[in-house]
């Protein structure tokens, strides 16, 4: 009899374990946790970062500021557009009014003055998010004219703290006659120590290539940026060789003090 009880004990224990597990799975708490677990994995795979999309580089050298970017727009592994323009030049309201007056008085605006005015902005990331940030930056530049550093800091503060802006997935490069900055959604406003900045999937290749050529006195800022972007396009599969460029003349040090 004792032997039969011992033989039957494992079966009874297994039956109880099965019943306990079934009750646990049918309970609301367990069901919700299991559902949440499945939802978590689905969301994780759906929200994987697919916005590799571009390379932007900015070079300050020999009295010139040059920002250059490629034109590829990709969605996952598909090229959607090869010639998008990811470099913009924005003007404060005061400069826009002066240009309008000049056109009215002379019939045309000075090309050199126009090319050396404004702020150059390049973006990498989701297009809609980038243009939202561009609009915010333009508003800050109008609010703090001639103060690019403060405008970038104010934009980064809003980007970091605002519930809506915090979700935007993009990075910006901003440059004017005096300085260049990288702005990220983490609240960072970074100024380069050697005159080279970059954002995007191929930025590391472009930055390394640009820094290697900064010591060459025969190359201008435009030449360095072009060579750097060429190398990045050959190494990064999300960067092509259809480049867009904007440039400015750097402001001479001590010019404001003399005036």
Protein backbone atom coordinates (compact mmCIF):
# COMPACT_ATOMS: atom_id res chain seq x y z
CA UNK A 1 0.00 0.00 0.00
CA UNK A 2 2.85 2.36 0.86
CA UNK A 3 4.47 1.62 -2.46
CA UNK A 4 1.24 2.42 -4.31
CA UNK A 5 0.94 5.77 -2.51
CA UNK A 6 4.52 6.64 -3.37
CA UNK A 7 3.92 5.72 -6.98
CA UNK A 8 0.78 7.85 -7.13
CA UNK A 9 2.37 10.93 -5.48
CA UNK A 10 4.16 12.25 -8.59
CA UNK A 11 0.94 12.04 -10.60
CA UNK A 12 -1.01 13.94 -7.95
CA UNK A 13 1.70 16.60 -7.69
CA UNK A 14 1.80 17.00 -11.45
CA UNK A 15 -2.00 17.32 -11.58
CA UNK A 16 -1.98 20.03 -8.89
CA UNK A 17 0.82 21.90 -10.66
CA UNK A 18 -1.14 21.81 -13.91
CA UNK A 19 -4.31 23.08 -12.21
CA UNK A 20 -2.37 25.88 -10.48
CA UNK A 21 -0.76 26.95 -13.76
CA UNK A 22 -4.12 26.95 -15.54
CA UNK A 23 -5.68 29.13 -12.83
CA UNK A 24 -2.75 31.53 -13.01
CA UNK A 25 -3.03 31.87 -16.78
CA UNK A 26 -6.77 32.46 -16.64
CA UNK A 27 -6.51 35.12 -13.93
CA UNK A 28 -6.92 38.77 -15.14
CA UNK A 29 -3.55 39.84 -13.74
CA UNK A 30 -1.62 37.08 -15.47
CA UNK A 31 -3.52 37.56 -18.71
CA UNK A 32 -2.83 41.30 -18.75
CA UNK A 33 0.86 40.77 -18.01
CA UNK A 34 1.13 38.21 -20.78
CA UNK A 35 -0.65 40.59 -23.16
CA UNK A 36 1.63 43.45 -22.17
CA UNK A 37 4.63 41.23 -22.76
CA UNK A 38 3.48 40.45 -26.29
CA UNK A 39 2.65 44.08 -27.00
CA UNK A 40 6.06 45.16 -25.77
CA UNK A 41 7.87 42.89 -28.21
CA UNK A 42 5.66 43.97 -31.12
CA UNK A 43 6.20 47.66 -30.38
CA UNK A 44 9.94 47.15 -29.96
CA UNK A 45 10.33 45.66 -33.43
CA UNK A 46 8.02 48.21 -35.04
CA UNK A 47 9.82 51.21 -33.55
CA UNK A 48 13.36 50.15 -34.43
CA UNK A 49 15.31 53.14 -35.77
CA UNK A 50 15.04 53.13 -39.57
CA UNK A 51 16.01 56.79 -40.14
CA UNK A 52 19.65 56.15 -41.04
CA UNK A 53 19.12 58.34 -44.00
CA UNK A 54 21.88 60.90 -44.61
CA UNK A 55 25.23 62.56 -43.93
CA UNK A 56 25.77 66.27 -43.23
CA UNK A 57 29.20 67.79 -42.66
CA UNK A 58 30.23 71.36 -41.80
CA UNK A 59 33.77 72.69 -42.27
CA UNK A 60 35.27 76.04 -41.20
CA UNK A 61 38.61 76.74 -42.91
CA UNK A 62 40.54 79.60 -44.48
CA UNK A 63 37.89 82.21 -43.85
CA UNK A 64 34.99 80.14 -45.24
CA UNK A 65 32.17 78.10 -43.73
CA UNK A 66 30.85 75.25 -45.88
CA UNK A 67 28.01 72.86 -45.10
CA UNK A 68 27.38 69.94 -47.42
CA UNK A 69 24.93 67.03 -47.41
CA UNK A 70 23.85 64.18 -49.63
CA UNK A 71 20.43 63.76 -51.19
CA UNK A 72 19.36 60.23 -50.31
CA UNK A 73 16.01 59.56 -48.65
CA UNK A 74 15.55 55.93 -47.62
CA UNK A 75 12.76 53.94 -46.03
CA UNK A 76 14.27 50.81 -44.54
CA UNK A 77 16.22 49.19 -47.38
CA UNK A 78 14.46 51.14 -50.17
CA UNK A 79 15.74 54.39 -51.72
CA UNK A 80 12.75 56.73 -51.94
CA UNK A 81 14.49 59.78 -53.40
CA UNK A 82 18.11 60.39 -54.41
CA UNK A 83 18.24 64.20 -54.65
CA UNK A 84 16.53 65.68 -51.59
CA UNK A 85 17.77 69.05 -50.35
CA UNK A 86 18.77 68.78 -46.69
CA UNK A 87 20.68 72.06 -46.44
CA UNK A 88 18.74 75.29 -45.94
CA UNK A 89 19.69 78.94 -45.59
CA UNK A 90 17.37 80.92 -43.34
CA UNK A 91 17.33 84.69 -42.96
CA UNK A 92 16.18 86.77 -40.00
CA UNK A 93 13.34 89.19 -40.65
CA UNK A 94 15.68 92.20 -40.66
CA UNK A 95 17.77 90.77 -43.47
CA UNK A 96 14.64 89.90 -45.45
CA UNK A 97 13.37 93.49 -45.16
CA UNK A 98 16.74 94.93 -46.24
CA UNK A 99 16.85 92.65 -49.28
CA UNK A 100 13.32 93.67 -50.27
CA UNK A 101 14.22 97.37 -50.01
CA UNK A 102 17.37 96.84 -52.04
CA UNK A 103 15.43 95.06 -54.79
CA UNK A 104 12.90 97.90 -54.90
CA UNK A 105 15.59 100.59 -55.10
CA UNK A 106 18.02 98.97 -57.52
CA UNK A 107 15.93 96.35 -59.22
CA UNK A 108 18.26 93.58 -58.03
CA UNK A 109 19.97 92.42 -54.88
CA UNK A 110 23.72 92.12 -54.47
CA UNK A 111 24.58 88.47 -55.03
CA UNK A 112 27.64 88.55 -52.79
CA UNK A 113 25.69 90.13 -49.93
CA UNK A 114 22.93 87.54 -50.21
CA UNK A 115 25.39 84.63 -50.32
CA UNK A 116 27.15 85.84 -47.18
CA UNK A 117 24.03 86.49 -45.10
CA UNK A 118 21.76 84.30 -43.04
CA UNK A 119 22.23 81.05 -41.15
CA UNK A 120 22.96 77.69 -42.75
CA UNK A 121 21.08 74.69 -41.37
CA UNK A 122 21.48 71.01 -42.24
CA UNK A 123 19.37 68.20 -40.85
CA UNK A 124 19.46 64.42 -40.56
CA UNK A 125 16.49 62.32 -39.50
CA UNK A 126 12.76 62.33 -40.06
CA UNK A 127 11.85 65.10 -42.51
CA UNK A 128 8.69 66.32 -40.77
CA UNK A 129 10.50 66.43 -37.42
CA UNK A 130 13.42 68.31 -38.93
CA UNK A 131 11.19 70.98 -40.49
CA UNK A 132 9.36 71.40 -37.19
CA UNK A 133 12.70 72.11 -35.53
CA UNK A 134 13.72 74.45 -38.36
CA UNK A 135 10.60 76.53 -37.77
CA UNK A 136 11.38 76.69 -34.05
CA UNK A 137 14.97 77.69 -34.75
CA UNK A 138 13.86 80.41 -37.15
CA UNK A 139 11.61 81.80 -34.44
CA UNK A 140 14.48 81.81 -31.94
CA UNK A 141 16.76 83.60 -34.42
CA UNK A 142 14.11 86.28 -34.89
CA UNK A 143 13.77 86.55 -31.12
CA UNK A 144 17.54 86.78 -30.57
CA UNK A 145 18.97 88.34 -33.77
CA UNK A 146 22.69 87.92 -34.21
CA UNK A 147 22.93 85.51 -31.24
CA UNK A 148 23.20 82.06 -32.78
CA UNK A 149 24.55 80.40 -29.62
CA UNK A 150 21.69 81.64 -27.47
CA UNK A 151 19.13 80.71 -30.12
CA UNK A 152 20.52 77.16 -30.26
CA UNK A 153 20.50 76.83 -26.48
CA UNK A 154 16.90 78.03 -26.26
CA UNK A 155 15.89 75.57 -28.98
CA UNK A 156 17.69 72.72 -27.18
CA UNK A 157 15.96 73.63 -23.91
CA UNK A 158 12.54 73.48 -25.52
CA UNK A 159 13.43 70.30 -27.42
CA UNK A 160 14.50 68.62 -24.19
CA UNK A 161 11.67 69.72 -21.91
CA UNK A 162 8.61 69.98 -24.17
CA UNK A 163 6.47 66.82 -24.18
CA UNK A 164 5.76 67.10 -27.90
CA UNK A 165 9.21 68.14 -29.12
CA UNK A 166 10.87 65.42 -27.06
CA UNK A 167 9.53 62.82 -29.50
CA UNK A 168 11.13 64.42 -32.57
CA UNK A 169 13.83 62.28 -34.18
CA UNK A 170 16.31 64.54 -35.94
CA UNK A 171 19.69 66.22 -35.52
CA UNK A 172 20.65 69.69 -36.70
CA UNK A 173 23.85 71.40 -37.79
CA UNK A 174 23.67 75.20 -37.60
CA UNK A 175 26.34 77.64 -38.78
CA UNK A 176 26.77 81.37 -39.34
CA UNK A 177 29.74 83.70 -39.81
CA UNK A 178 30.86 83.34 -36.20
CA UNK A 179 30.30 79.72 -35.10
CA UNK A 180 28.93 76.27 -35.90
CA UNK A 181 26.82 74.10 -33.59
CA UNK A 182 25.31 70.63 -33.45
CA UNK A 183 21.92 70.40 -31.70
CA UNK A 184 20.47 67.10 -30.47
CA UNK A 185 17.30 66.02 -28.72
CA UNK A 186 19.28 65.23 -25.56
CA UNK A 187 19.68 68.93 -24.88
CA UNK A 188 23.23 69.08 -26.27
CA UNK A 189 24.58 72.13 -28.08
CA UNK A 190 28.04 71.16 -29.32
CA UNK A 191 30.63 73.44 -30.88
CA UNK A 192 33.56 71.82 -32.64
CA UNK A 193 37.12 72.41 -31.41
CA UNK A 194 38.68 71.91 -34.86
CA UNK A 195 36.13 73.41 -37.24
CA UNK A 196 34.53 70.10 -38.30
CA UNK A 197 31.04 68.87 -37.38
CA UNK A 198 28.85 66.11 -38.76
CA UNK A 199 25.52 64.35 -38.22
CA UNK A 200 23.83 61.37 -39.83
CA UNK A 201 24.62 57.75 -40.53
CA UNK A 202 27.88 58.48 -42.37
CA UNK A 203 29.00 61.38 -40.17
CA UNK A 204 31.86 59.47 -38.54
CA UNK A 205 33.40 58.75 -41.95
CA UNK A 206 32.95 62.34 -43.10
CA UNK A 207 34.35 63.84 -39.88
CA UNK A 208 37.42 61.58 -39.96
CA UNK A 209 38.07 62.37 -43.63
CA UNK A 210 37.64 66.12 -43.10
CA UNK A 211 39.94 66.21 -40.08
CA UNK A 212 42.63 64.37 -42.03
CA UNK A 213 42.60 67.14 -44.66
CA UNK A 214 42.36 70.19 -42.42
CA UNK A 215 46.15 70.60 -42.33
CA UNK A 216 46.40 70.87 -46.12
CA UNK A 217 46.78 74.62 -46.86
CA UNK A 218 45.89 74.17 -50.54
CA UNK A 219 42.35 72.97 -49.80
CA UNK A 220 39.49 75.36 -49.10
CA UNK A 221 36.56 74.60 -46.82
CA UNK A 222 34.50 73.61 -49.87
CA UNK A 223 37.24 71.23 -51.09
CA UNK A 224 37.56 69.56 -47.67
CA UNK A 225 33.80 69.13 -47.33
CA UNK A 226 33.47 67.69 -50.83
CA UNK A 227 36.28 65.18 -50.34
CA UNK A 228 34.89 64.17 -46.94
CA UNK A 229 31.40 63.64 -48.36
CA UNK A 230 32.82 61.65 -51.27
CA UNK A 231 34.52 59.26 -48.87
CA UNK A 232 31.39 58.99 -46.71
CA UNK A 233 29.26 58.16 -49.76
CA UNK A 234 31.65 55.34 -50.67
CA UNK A 235 31.51 53.82 -47.18
CA UNK A 236 27.96 54.45 -45.93
CA UNK A 237 25.16 52.67 -47.80
CA UNK A 238 22.65 55.33 -46.70
CA UNK A 239 24.66 58.19 -48.28
CA UNK A 240 24.87 58.94 -52.01
CA UNK A 241 27.01 61.30 -54.10
CA UNK A 242 24.37 63.90 -55.06
CA UNK A 243 25.53 66.71 -52.80
CA UNK A 244 23.97 70.02 -51.83
CA UNK A 245 26.21 72.82 -50.55
CA UNK A 246 25.82 76.20 -48.86
CA UNK A 247 28.71 78.42 -47.79
CA UNK A 248 29.44 81.69 -46.00
CA UNK A 249 32.38 84.00 -45.50
CA UNK A 250 33.59 83.84 -41.90
CA UNK A 251 33.57 87.01 -39.85
CA UNK A 252 37.05 88.35 -39.09
CA UNK A 253 38.03 88.25 -35.45
CA UNK A 254 38.00 91.64 -33.79
CA UNK A 255 35.97 93.24 -36.56
CA UNK A 256 33.17 94.27 -34.22
CA UNK A 257 35.64 95.68 -31.73
CA UNK A 258 37.30 97.87 -34.36
CA UNK A 259 34.01 99.18 -35.61
